[in-house]
All heavy atoms as atom14 arrays in JSON, in Angstrom:
{
  "sequence": "KAQPDCGKPQFKSKKAPRQGFKTDRAKLVNNYDQIAIEDLDVKRMQM",
  "atom14_mask": [
    [1, 1, 1, 1, 1, 1, 1, 1, 1, 0, 0, 0, 0, 0],
    [1, 1, 1, 1, 1, 0, 0, 0, 0, 0, 0, 0, 0, 0],
    [1, 1, 1, 1, 1, 1, 1, 1, 1, 0, 0, 0, 0, 0],
    [1, 1, 1, 1, 1, 1, 1, 0, 0, 0, 0, 0, 0, 0],
    [1, 1, 1, 1, 1, 1, 1, 1, 0, 0, 0, 0, 0, 0],
    [1, 1, 1, 1, 1, 1, 0, 0, 0, 0, 0, 0, 0, 0],
    [1, 1, 1, 1, 0, 0, 0, 0, 0, 0, 0, 0, 0, 0],
    [1, 1, 1, 1, 1, 1, 1, 1, 1, 0, 0, 0, 0, 0],
    [1, 1, 1, 1, 1, 1, 1, 0, 0, 0, 0, 0, 0, 0],
    [1, 1, 1, 1, 1, 1, 1, 1, 1, 0, 0, 0, 0, 0],
    [1, 1, 1, 1, 1, 1, 1, 1, 1, 1, 1, 0, 0, 0],
    [1, 1, 1, 1, 1, 1, 1, 1, 1, 0, 0, 0, 0, 0],
    [1, 1, 1, 1, 1, 1, 0, 0, 0, 0, 0, 0, 0, 0],
    [1, 1, 1, 1, 1, 1, 1, 1, 1, 0, 0, 0, 0, 0],
    [1, 1, 1, 1, 1, 1, 1, 1, 1, 0, 0, 0, 0, 0],
    [1, 1, 1, 1, 1, 0, 0, 0, 0, 0, 0, 0, 0, 0],
    [1, 1, 1, 1, 1, 1, 1, 0, 0, 0, 0, 0, 0, 0],
    [1, 1, 1, 1, 1, 1, 1, 1, 1, 1, 1, 0, 0, 0],
    [1, 1, 1, 1, 1, 1, 1, 1, 1, 0, 0, 0, 0, 0],
    [1, 1, 1, 1, 0, 0, 0, 0, 0, 0, 0, 0, 0, 0],
    [1, 1, 1, 1, 1, 1, 1, 1, 1, 1, 1, 0, 0, 0],
    [1, 1, 1, 1, 1, 1, 1, 1, 1, 0, 0, 0, 0, 0],
    [1, 1, 1, 1, 1, 1, 1, 0, 0, 0, 0, 0, 0, 0],
    [1, 1, 1, 1, 1, 1, 1, 1, 0, 0, 0, 0, 0, 0],
    [1, 1, 1, 1, 1, 1, 1, 1, 1, 1, 1, 0, 0, 0],
    [1, 1, 1, 1, 1, 0, 0, 0, 0, 0, 0, 0, 0, 0],
    [1, 1, 1, 1, 1, 1, 1, 1, 1, 0, 0, 0, 0, 0],
    [1, 1, 1, 1, 1, 1, 1, 1, 0, 0, 0, 0, 0, 0],
    [1, 1, 1, 1, 1, 1, 1, 0, 0, 0, 0, 0, 0, 0],
    [1, 1, 1, 1, 1, 1, 1, 1, 0, 0, 0, 0, 0, 0],
    [1, 1, 1, 1, 1, 1, 1, 1, 0, 0, 0, 0, 0, 0],
    [1, 1, 1, 1, 1, 1, 1, 1, 1, 1, 1, 1, 0, 0],
    [1, 1, 1, 1, 1, 1, 1, 1, 0, 0, 0, 0, 0, 0],
    [1, 1, 1, 1, 1, 1, 1, 1, 1, 0, 0, 0, 0, 0],
    [1, 1, 1, 1, 1, 1, 1, 1, 0, 0, 0, 0, 0, 0],
    [1, 1, 1, 1, 1, 0, 0, 0, 0, 0, 0, 0, 0, 0],
    [1, 1, 1, 1, 1, 1, 1, 1, 0, 0, 0, 0, 0, 0],
    [1, 1, 1, 1, 1, 1, 1, 1, 1, 0, 0, 0, 0, 0],
    [1, 1, 1, 1, 1, 1, 1, 1, 0, 0, 0, 0, 0, 0],
    [1, 1, 1, 1, 1, 1, 1, 1, 0, 0, 0, 0, 0, 0],
    [1, 1, 1, 1, 1, 1, 1, 1, 0, 0, 0, 0, 0, 0],
    [1, 1, 1, 1, 1, 1, 1, 0, 0, 0, 0, 0, 0, 0],
    [1, 1, 1, 1, 1, 1, 1, 1, 1, 0, 0, 0, 0, 0],
    [1, 1, 1, 1, 1, 1, 1, 1, 1, 1, 1, 0, 0, 0],
    [1, 1, 1, 1, 1, 1, 1, 1, 0, 0, 0, 0, 0, 0],
    [1, 1, 1, 1, 1, 1, 1, 1, 1, 0, 0, 0, 0, 0],
    [1, 1, 1, 1, 1, 1, 1, 1, 0, 0, 0, 0, 0, 0]
  ],
  "atom14_positions": [
    [[0.82, -1.2, 0.0], [-0.01, -0.01, -0.01], [0.87, 1.27, 0.01], [0.36, 2.36, -0.31], [-0.92, 0.0, 1.22], [-1.96, -1.11, 1.2], [-2.86, -1.05, 2.42], [-3.9, -2.16, 2.4], [-4.81, -2.12, 3.58], [0.0, 0.0, 0.0], [0.0, 0.0, 0.0], [0.0, 0.0, 0.0], [0.0, 0.0, 0.0], [0.0, 0.0, 0.0]],
    [[2.11, 1.13, 0.35], [3.01, 2.32, 0.35], [3.45, 2.69, -1.06], [4.05, 3.74, -1.26], [4.25, 2.03, 1.22], [0.0, 0.0, 0.0], [0.0, 0.0, 0.0], [0.0, 0.0, 0.0], [0.0, 0.0, 0.0], [0.0, 0.0, 0.0], [0.0, 0.0, 0.0], [0.0, 0.0, 0.0], [0.0, 0.0, 0.0], [0.0, 0.0, 0.0]],
    [[3.15, 1.85, -2.04], [3.49, 2.14, -3.44], [2.23, 2.1, -4.29], [1.99, 1.15, -5.02], [4.51, 1.11, -3.95], [5.81, 1.1, -3.19], [6.87, 0.24, -3.85], [6.96, 0.18, -5.07], [7.66, -0.43, -3.04], [0.0, 0.0, 0.0], [0.0, 0.0, 0.0], [0.0, 0.0, 0.0], [0.0, 0.0, 0.0], [0.0, 0.0, 0.0]],
    [[1.42, 3.15, -4.19], [0.15, 3.18, -4.93], [0.31, 3.24, -6.44], [-0.65, 2.96, -7.17], [-0.53, 4.46, -4.38], [0.6, 5.33, -3.99], [1.67, 4.4, -3.46], [0.0, 0.0, 0.0], [0.0, 0.0, 0.0], [0.0, 0.0, 0.0], [0.0, 0.0, 0.0], [0.0, 0.0, 0.0], [0.0, 0.0, 0.0], [0.0, 0.0, 0.0]],
    [[1.49, 3.61, -6.94], [1.7, 3.71, -8.37], [1.92, 2.39, -9.05], [1.86, 2.29, -10.26], [2.9, 4.63, -8.67], [2.66, 6.04, -8.2], [1.49, 6.43, -8.04], [3.66, 6.78, -7.98], [0.0, 0.0, 0.0], [0.0, 0.0, 0.0], [0.0, 0.0, 0.0], [0.0, 0.0, 0.0], [0.0, 0.0, 0.0], [0.0, 0.0, 0.0]],
    [[2.21, 1.36, -8.28], [2.51, 0.03, -8.85], [1.21, -0.69, -9.16], [0.44, -1.04, -8.26], [3.36, -0.8, -7.88], [5.02, -0.14, -7.65], [0.0, 0.0, 0.0], [0.0, 0.0, 0.0], [0.0, 0.0, 0.0], [0.0, 0.0, 0.0], [0.0, 0.0, 0.0], [0.0, 0.0, 0.0], [0.0, 0.0, 0.0], [0.0, 0.0, 0.0]],
    [[0.94, -0.9, -10.44], [-0.26, -1.58, -10.84], [-0.1, -3.1, -10.82], [0.98, -3.62, -10.54], [0.0, 0.0, 0.0], [0.0, 0.0, 0.0], [0.0, 0.0, 0.0], [0.0, 0.0, 0.0], [0.0, 0.0, 0.0], [0.0, 0.0, 0.0], [0.0, 0.0, 0.0], [0.0, 0.0, 0.0], [0.0, 0.0, 0.0], [0.0, 0.0, 0.0]],
    [[-1.17, -3.79, -11.13], [-1.12, -5.25, -11.17], [-0.25, -5.72, -12.31], [-0.29, -5.14, -13.4], [-2.56, -5.76, -11.35], [-2.67, -7.29, -11.22], [-4.13, -7.71, -11.31], [-4.27, -9.23, -11.15], [-5.69, -9.67, -11.24], [0.0, 0.0, 0.0], [0.0, 0.0, 0.0], [0.0, 0.0, 0.0], [0.0, 0.0, 0.0], [0.0, 0.0, 0.0]],
    [[0.56, -6.75, -12.1], [1.44, -7.24, -13.18], [0.66, -7.61, -14.43], [-0.43, -8.18, -14.35], [2.09, -8.5, -12.55], [2.04, -8.24, -11.09], [0.78, -7.47, -10.84], [0.0, 0.0, 0.0], [0.0, 0.0, 0.0], [0.0, 0.0, 0.0], [0.0, 0.0, 0.0], [0.0, 0.0, 0.0], [0.0, 0.0, 0.0], [0.0, 0.0, 0.0]],
    [[1.21, -7.24, -15.57], [0.54, -7.44, -16.85], [1.32, -8.43, -17.71], [2.54, -8.6, -17.54], [0.4, -6.11, -17.59], [-0.38, -5.04, -16.84], [-1.85, -5.39, -16.66], [-2.45, -5.99, -17.55], [-2.39, -5.05, -15.5], [0.0, 0.0, 0.0], [0.0, 0.0, 0.0], [0.0, 0.0, 0.0], [0.0, 0.0, 0.0], [0.0, 0.0, 0.0]],
    [[0.62, -9.06, -18.64], [1.26, -9.93, -19.59], [2.16, -9.1, -20.52], [1.82, -7.98, -20.88], [0.23, -10.73, -20.4], [-0.51, -11.74, -19.6], [-1.79, -11.47, -19.12], [0.06, -12.97, -19.3], [-2.48, -12.41, -18.36], [-0.62, -13.92, -18.55], [-1.88, -13.63, -18.08], [0.0, 0.0, 0.0], [0.0, 0.0, 0.0], [0.0, 0.0, 0.0]],
    [[3.27, -9.69, -20.93], [4.25, -8.97, -21.75], [4.1, -9.36, -23.23], [3.85, -10.53, -23.55], [5.66, -9.27, -21.28], [5.96, -8.73, -19.89], [7.39, -8.96, -19.5], [7.71, -8.38, -18.12], [9.12, -8.57, -17.74], [0.0, 0.0, 0.0], [0.0, 0.0, 0.0], [0.0, 0.0, 0.0], [0.0, 0.0, 0.0], [0.0, 0.0, 0.0]],
    [[4.26, -8.36, -24.08], [4.23, -8.57, -25.52], [5.45, -7.92, -26.15], [5.89, -6.86, -25.72], [2.95, -7.99, -26.13], [3.02, -8.01, -27.54], [0.0, 0.0, 0.0], [0.0, 0.0, 0.0], [0.0, 0.0, 0.0], [0.0, 0.0, 0.0], [0.0, 0.0, 0.0], [0.0, 0.0, 0.0], [0.0, 0.0, 0.0], [0.0, 0.0, 0.0]],
    [[6.0, -8.56, -27.16], [7.2, -8.03, -27.82], [6.89, -6.76, -28.56], [7.74, -5.88, -28.7], [7.74, -9.08, -28.8], [9.13, -8.79, -29.3], [9.65, -9.96, -30.11], [11.1, -9.74, -30.53], [11.66, -10.89, -31.26], [0.0, 0.0, 0.0], [0.0, 0.0, 0.0], [0.0, 0.0, 0.0], [0.0, 0.0, 0.0], [0.0, 0.0, 0.0]],
    [[5.63, -6.59, -28.99], [5.25, -5.44, -29.77], [4.71, -4.29, -28.9], [4.67, -3.14, -29.34], [4.19, -5.81, -30.8], [4.65, -6.82, -31.82], [3.54, -7.14, -32.81], [3.97, -8.16, -33.84], [2.89, -8.48, -34.79], [0.0, 0.0, 0.0], [0.0, 0.0, 0.0], [0.0, 0.0, 0.0], [0.0, 0.0, 0.0], [0.0, 0.0, 0.0]],
    [[4.26, -4.59, -27.7], [3.57, -3.59, -26.87], [4.34, -2.32, -26.63], [3.8, -1.24, -26.77], [3.15, -4.24, -25.55], [0.0, 0.0, 0.0], [0.0, 0.0, 0.0], [0.0, 0.0, 0.0], [0.0, 0.0, 0.0], [0.0, 0.0, 0.0], [0.0, 0.0, 0.0], [0.0, 0.0, 0.0], [0.0, 0.0, 0.0], [0.0, 0.0, 0.0]],
    [[5.64, -2.35, -26.21], [6.36, -1.12, -25.93], [6.43, -0.16, -27.11], [6.19, 1.04, -26.95], [7.76, -1.59, -25.52], [7.56, -2.99, -25.06], [6.48, -3.52, -25.93], [0.0, 0.0, 0.0], [0.0, 0.0, 0.0], [0.0, 0.0, 0.0], [0.0, 0.0, 0.0], [0.0, 0.0, 0.0], [0.0, 0.0, 0.0], [0.0, 0.0, 0.0]],
    [[6.72, -0.68, -28.29], [6.84, 0.23, -29.45], [5.48, 0.71, -29.93], [5.37, 1.82, -30.45], [7.57, -0.5, -30.6], [9.03, -0.78, -30.25], [9.82, -1.17, -31.46], [11.22, -1.39, -31.12], [12.11, -0.42, -31.07], [11.76, 0.81, -31.36], [13.36, -0.66, -30.76], [0.0, 0.0, 0.0], [0.0, 0.0, 0.0], [0.0, 0.0, 0.0]],
    [[4.44, -0.1, -29.77], [3.09, 0.35, -30.16], [2.68, 1.5, -29.25], [2.17, 2.51, -29.74], [2.12, -0.81, -30.02], [2.27, -1.88, -31.12], [1.32, -3.03, -30.93], [0.8, -3.26, -29.82], [1.14, -3.8, -31.98], [0.0, 0.0, 0.0], [0.0, 0.0, 0.0], [0.0, 0.0, 0.0], [0.0, 0.0, 0.0], [0.0, 0.0, 0.0]],
    [[2.9, 1.39, -27.94], [2.56, 2.47, -27.03], [3.38, 3.71, -27.29], [2.92, 4.84, -27.2], [0.0, 0.0, 0.0], [0.0, 0.0, 0.0], [0.0, 0.0, 0.0], [0.0, 0.0, 0.0], [0.0, 0.0, 0.0], [0.0, 0.0, 0.0], [0.0, 0.0, 0.0], [0.0, 0.0, 0.0], [0.0, 0.0, 0.0], [0.0, 0.0, 0.0]],
    [[4.65, 3.5, -27.64], [5.55, 4.62, -27.93], [5.03, 5.41, -29.12], [4.96, 6.64, -29.06], [6.93, 4.02, -28.24], [7.92, 5.03, -28.79], [8.55, 5.9, -27.94], [8.18, 5.07, -30.12], [9.45, 6.83, -28.42], [9.11, 5.98, -30.64], [9.73, 6.86, -29.77], [0.0, 0.0, 0.0], [0.0, 0.0, 0.0], [0.0, 0.0, 0.0]],
    [[4.63, 4.76, -30.19], [4.15, 5.46, -31.37], [2.82, 6.16, -31.1], [2.56, 7.28, -31.55], [3.99, 4.47, -32.55], [5.29, 3.88, -33.03], [5.08, 2.87, -34.15], [6.4, 2.28, -34.64], [6.18, 1.29, -35.7], [0.0, 0.0, 0.0], [0.0, 0.0, 0.0], [0.0, 0.0, 0.0], [0.0, 0.0, 0.0], [0.0, 0.0, 0.0]],
    [[1.94, 5.51, -30.34], [0.64, 6.07, -30.04], [0.76, 7.35, -29.19], [0.13, 8.35, -29.45], [-0.24, 5.04, -29.32], [-0.33, 3.87, -30.1], [-1.61, 5.6, -29.07], [0.0, 0.0, 0.0], [0.0, 0.0, 0.0], [0.0, 0.0, 0.0], [0.0, 0.0, 0.0], [0.0, 0.0, 0.0], [0.0, 0.0, 0.0], [0.0, 0.0, 0.0]],
    [[1.6, 7.29, -28.16], [1.79, 8.46, -27.27], [2.38, 9.64, -28.03], [1.93, 10.79, -27.86], [2.72, 8.08, -26.1], [2.09, 7.06, -25.18], [0.84, 6.92, -25.22], [2.81, 6.39, -24.45], [0.0, 0.0, 0.0], [0.0, 0.0, 0.0], [0.0, 0.0, 0.0], [0.0, 0.0, 0.0], [0.0, 0.0, 0.0], [0.0, 0.0, 0.0]],
    [[3.34, 9.37, -28.87], [3.97, 10.46, -29.65], [2.95, 11.09, -30.59], [2.87, 12.3, -30.72], [5.14, 9.9, -30.46], [5.91, 10.93, -31.26], [5.44, 10.94, -32.7], [5.51, 9.64, -33.27], [4.81, 9.28, -34.34], [3.96, 10.1, -34.88], [4.94, 8.07, -34.86], [0.0, 0.0, 0.0], [0.0, 0.0, 0.0], [0.0, 0.0, 0.0]],
    [[2.11, 10.27, -31.22], [1.12, 10.8, -32.17], [0.07, 11.65, -31.44], [-0.33, 12.71, -31.96], [0.42, 9.64, -32.88], [0.0, 0.0, 0.0], [0.0, 0.0, 0.0], [0.0, 0.0, 0.0], [0.0, 0.0, 0.0], [0.0, 0.0, 0.0], [0.0, 0.0, 0.0], [0.0, 0.0, 0.0], [0.0, 0.0, 0.0], [0.0, 0.0, 0.0]],
    [[-0.33, 11.25, -30.24], [-1.33, 12.01, -29.5], [-0.8, 13.38, -29.12], [-1.5, 14.39, -29.21], [-1.74, 11.24, -28.23], [-2.61, 10.02, -28.5], [-2.98, 9.34, -27.19], [-3.87, 8.13, -27.43], [-4.22, 7.43, -26.17], [0.0, 0.0, 0.0], [0.0, 0.0, 0.0], [0.0, 0.0, 0.0], [0.0, 0.0, 0.0], [0.0, 0.0, 0.0]],
    [[0.46, 13.43, -28.69], [1.06, 14.71, -28.29], [1.14, 15.67, -29.46], [0.76, 16.83, -29.37], [2.45, 14.48, -27.69], [2.51, 13.81, -26.32], [3.95, 13.47, -25.96], [1.91, 14.75, -25.27], [0.0, 0.0, 0.0], [0.0, 0.0, 0.0], [0.0, 0.0, 0.0], [0.0, 0.0, 0.0], [0.0, 0.0, 0.0], [0.0, 0.0, 0.0]],
    [[1.69, 15.19, -30.57], [1.92, 16.06, -31.71], [0.62, 16.5, -32.35], [0.48, 17.65, -32.81], [2.84, 15.36, -32.74], [2.99, 16.2, -34.01], [4.21, 15.09, -32.13], [0.0, 0.0, 0.0], [0.0, 0.0, 0.0], [0.0, 0.0, 0.0], [0.0, 0.0, 0.0], [0.0, 0.0, 0.0], [0.0, 0.0, 0.0], [0.0, 0.0, 0.0]],
    [[-0.36, 15.63, -32.39], [-1.63, 15.95, -33.05], [-2.54, 16.85, -32.21], [-3.34, 17.61, -32.74], [-2.39, 14.66, -33.39], [-1.71, 13.83, -34.46], [-0.94, 14.37, -35.26], [-1.96, 12.53, -34.48], [0.0, 0.0, 0.0], [0.0, 0.0, 0.0], [0.0, 0.0, 0.0], [0.0, 0.0, 0.0], [0.0, 0.0, 0.0], [0.0, 0.0, 0.0]],
    [[-2.4, 16.79, -30.9], [-3.35, 17.49, -30.01], [-2.82, 18.8, -29.42], [-3.59, 19.56, -28.89], [-3.8, 16.58, -28.87], [-4.58, 15.37, -29.38], [-5.16, 15.4, -30.45], [-4.59, 14.3, -28.62], [0.0, 0.0, 0.0], [0.0, 0.0, 0.0], [0.0, 0.0, 0.0], [0.0, 0.0, 0.0], [0.0, 0.0, 0.0], [0.0, 0.0, 0.0]],
    [[-1.49, 19.0, -29.5], [-0.92, 20.17, -28.83], [0.04, 20.91, -29.75], [0.81, 20.29, -30.49], [-0.16, 19.77, -27.54], [-1.07, 19.06, -26.54], [-1.07, 17.67, -26.46], [-1.89, 19.77, -25.67], [-1.89, 17.0, -25.56], [-2.71, 19.12, -24.78], [-2.71, 17.75, -24.7], [-3.52, 17.09, -23.81], [0.0, 0.0, 0.0], [0.0, 0.0, 0.0]],
    [[-0.03, 22.26, -29.69], [0.88, 23.1, -30.5], [2.19, 23.34, -29.78], [3.23, 23.63, -30.41], [0.21, 24.44, -30.82], [-0.99, 24.28, -31.7], [-0.98, 23.35, -32.54], [-1.95, 25.06, -31.57], [0.0, 0.0, 0.0], [0.0, 0.0, 0.0], [0.0, 0.0, 0.0], [0.0, 0.0, 0.0], [0.0, 0.0, 0.0], [0.0, 0.0, 0.0]],
    [[2.17, 23.29, -28.44], [3.38, 23.51, -27.65], [3.54, 22.34, -26.64], [2.59, 21.99, -25.96], [3.3, 24.84, -26.89], [3.28, 26.06, -27.79], [3.15, 27.36, -27.0], [2.37, 27.42, -26.03], [3.91, 28.37, -27.38], [0.0, 0.0, 0.0], [0.0, 0.0, 0.0], [0.0, 0.0, 0.0], [0.0, 0.0, 0.0], [0.0, 0.0, 0.0]],
    [[4.74, 21.8, -26.59], [5.01, 20.64, -25.75], [6.28, 20.88, -24.97], [7.28, 21.37, -25.52], [5.19, 19.35, -26.63], [3.93, 19.12, -27.48], [5.47, 18.15, -25.77], [4.09, 18.02, -28.5], [0.0, 0.0, 0.0], [0.0, 0.0, 0.0], [0.0, 0.0, 0.0], [0.0, 0.0, 0.0], [0.0, 0.0, 0.0], [0.0, 0.0, 0.0]],
    [[6.27, 20.55, -23.7], [7.44, 20.71, -22.83], [7.83, 19.36, -22.24], [6.96, 18.63, -21.73], [7.17, 21.72, -21.72], [0.0, 0.0, 0.0], [0.0, 0.0, 0.0], [0.0, 0.0, 0.0], [0.0, 0.0, 0.0], [0.0, 0.0, 0.0], [0.0, 0.0, 0.0], [0.0, 0.0, 0.0], [0.0, 0.0, 0.0], [0.0, 0.0, 0.0]],
    [[9.1, 19.01, -22.32], [9.59, 17.75, -21.76], [10.89, 18.03, -20.98], [11.5, 19.09, -21.15], [9.85, 16.68, -22.83], [10.92, 17.17, -23.82], [8.58, 16.3, -23.54], [11.32, 16.09, -24.81], [0.0, 0.0, 0.0], [0.0, 0.0, 0.0], [0.0, 0.0, 0.0], [0.0, 0.0, 0.0], [0.0, 0.0, 0.0], [0.0, 0.0, 0.0]],
    [[11.3, 17.06, -20.18], [12.52, 17.18, -19.4], [13.68, 16.43, -20.07], [13.46, 15.36, -20.68], [12.34, 16.63, -17.99], [11.52, 17.51, -17.09], [11.46, 16.95, -15.68], [10.64, 16.07, -15.44], [12.26, 17.37, -14.82], [0.0, 0.0, 0.0], [0.0, 0.0, 0.0], [0.0, 0.0, 0.0], [0.0, 0.0, 0.0], [0.0, 0.0, 0.0]],
    [[14.89, 16.96, -19.96], [16.08, 16.27, -20.4], [16.56, 15.43, -19.22], [17.31, 15.89, -18.38], [17.15, 17.28, -20.83], [18.4, 16.58, -21.35], [18.32, 15.37, -21.65], [19.45, 17.24, -21.45], [0.0, 0.0, 0.0], [0.0, 0.0, 0.0], [0.0, 0.0, 0.0], [0.0, 0.0, 0.0], [0.0, 0.0, 0.0], [0.0, 0.0, 0.0]],
    [[16.1, 14.16, -19.15], [16.33, 13.32, -17.98], [17.77, 12.78, -17.97], [18.32, 12.43, -18.99], [15.34, 12.17, -17.98], [13.86, 12.55, -17.9], [12.99, 11.3, -18.01], [13.57, 13.27, -16.59], [0.0, 0.0, 0.0], [0.0, 0.0, 0.0], [0.0, 0.0, 0.0], [0.0, 0.0, 0.0], [0.0, 0.0, 0.0], [0.0, 0.0, 0.0]],
    [[18.32, 12.72, -16.76], [19.6, 12.08, -16.55], [19.33, 10.61, -16.19], [19.24, 10.25, -15.02], [20.38, 12.78, -15.44], [21.81, 12.3, -15.33], [22.18, 11.38, -16.08], [22.56, 12.82, -14.49], [0.0, 0.0, 0.0], [0.0, 0.0, 0.0], [0.0, 0.0, 0.0], [0.0, 0.0, 0.0], [0.0, 0.0, 0.0], [0.0, 0.0, 0.0]],
    [[19.18, 9.78, -17.23], [18.72, 8.41, -17.02], [19.7, 7.6, -16.17], [19.29, 6.79, -15.36], [18.5, 7.72, -18.39], [18.07, 6.27, -18.2], [17.44, 8.47, -19.2], [0.0, 0.0, 0.0], [0.0, 0.0, 0.0], [0.0, 0.0, 0.0], [0.0, 0.0, 0.0], [0.0, 0.0, 0.0], [0.0, 0.0, 0.0], [0.0, 0.0, 0.0]],
    [[20.98, 7.8, -16.34], [21.98, 7.02, -15.6], [21.84, 7.21, -14.08], [21.96, 6.26, -13.31], [23.4, 7.38, -16.03], [23.78, 6.82, -17.4], [25.26, 7.04, -17.68], [25.66, 6.37, -18.98], [27.1, 6.53, -19.24], [0.0, 0.0, 0.0], [0.0, 0.0, 0.0], [0.0, 0.0, 0.0], [0.0, 0.0, 0.0], [0.0, 0.0, 0.0]],
    [[21.56, 8.42, -13.67], [21.4, 8.71, -12.23], [20.08, 8.15, -11.69], [19.91, 8.01, -10.46], [21.51, 10.18, -11.97], [22.87, 10.78, -12.25], [22.98, 12.23, -11.79], [22.81, 12.34, -10.34], [22.77, 13.5, -9.73], [22.91, 14.65, -10.37], [22.63, 13.55, -8.41], [0.0, 0.0, 0.0], [0.0, 0.0, 0.0], [0.0, 0.0, 0.0]],
    [[19.14, 7.87, -12.58], [17.84, 7.35, -12.17], [17.88, 5.83, -11.98], [16.96, 5.24, -11.43], [16.78, 7.7, -13.19], [16.51, 9.19, -13.34], [15.45, 9.58, -14.73], [13.92, 8.77, -14.25], [0.0, 0.0, 0.0], [0.0, 0.0, 0.0], [0.0, 0.0, 0.0], [0.0, 0.0, 0.0], [0.0, 0.0, 0.0], [0.0, 0.0, 0.0]],
    [[18.96, 5.18, -12.44], [19.07, 3.74, -12.37], [19.58, 3.33, -10.99], [20.74, 3.06, -10.79], [19.99, 3.22, -13.49], [19.47, 3.51, -14.88], [20.44, 3.14, -15.96], [21.54, 2.66, -15.66], [20.05, 3.3, -17.19], [0.0, 0.0, 0.0], [0.0, 0.0, 0.0], [0.0, 0.0, 0.0], [0.0, 0.0, 0.0], [0.0, 0.0, 0.0]],
    [[18.64, 3.26, -10.05], [19.01, 3.0, -8.65], [19.29, 1.53, -8.39], [20.01, 1.17, -7.47], [17.9, 3.49, -7.74], [17.58, 4.97, -7.84], [16.2, 5.47, -6.85], [16.78, 5.12, -5.2], [0.0, 0.0, 0.0], [0.0, 0.0, 0.0], [0.0, 0.0, 0.0], [0.0, 0.0, 0.0], [0.0, 0.0, 0.0], [0.0, 0.0, 0.0]]
  ]
}
């Protein structure tokens, strides 16, 4: 209960990550004229 963001484990698909990636990108570009994102330091996030 201390980790409310963790959802129920889901089945894995080889195609799922790239399908979601393309869909999310299309929604952002099609629906918004201005988009702001962060330049993440991924290496420091790998705890």
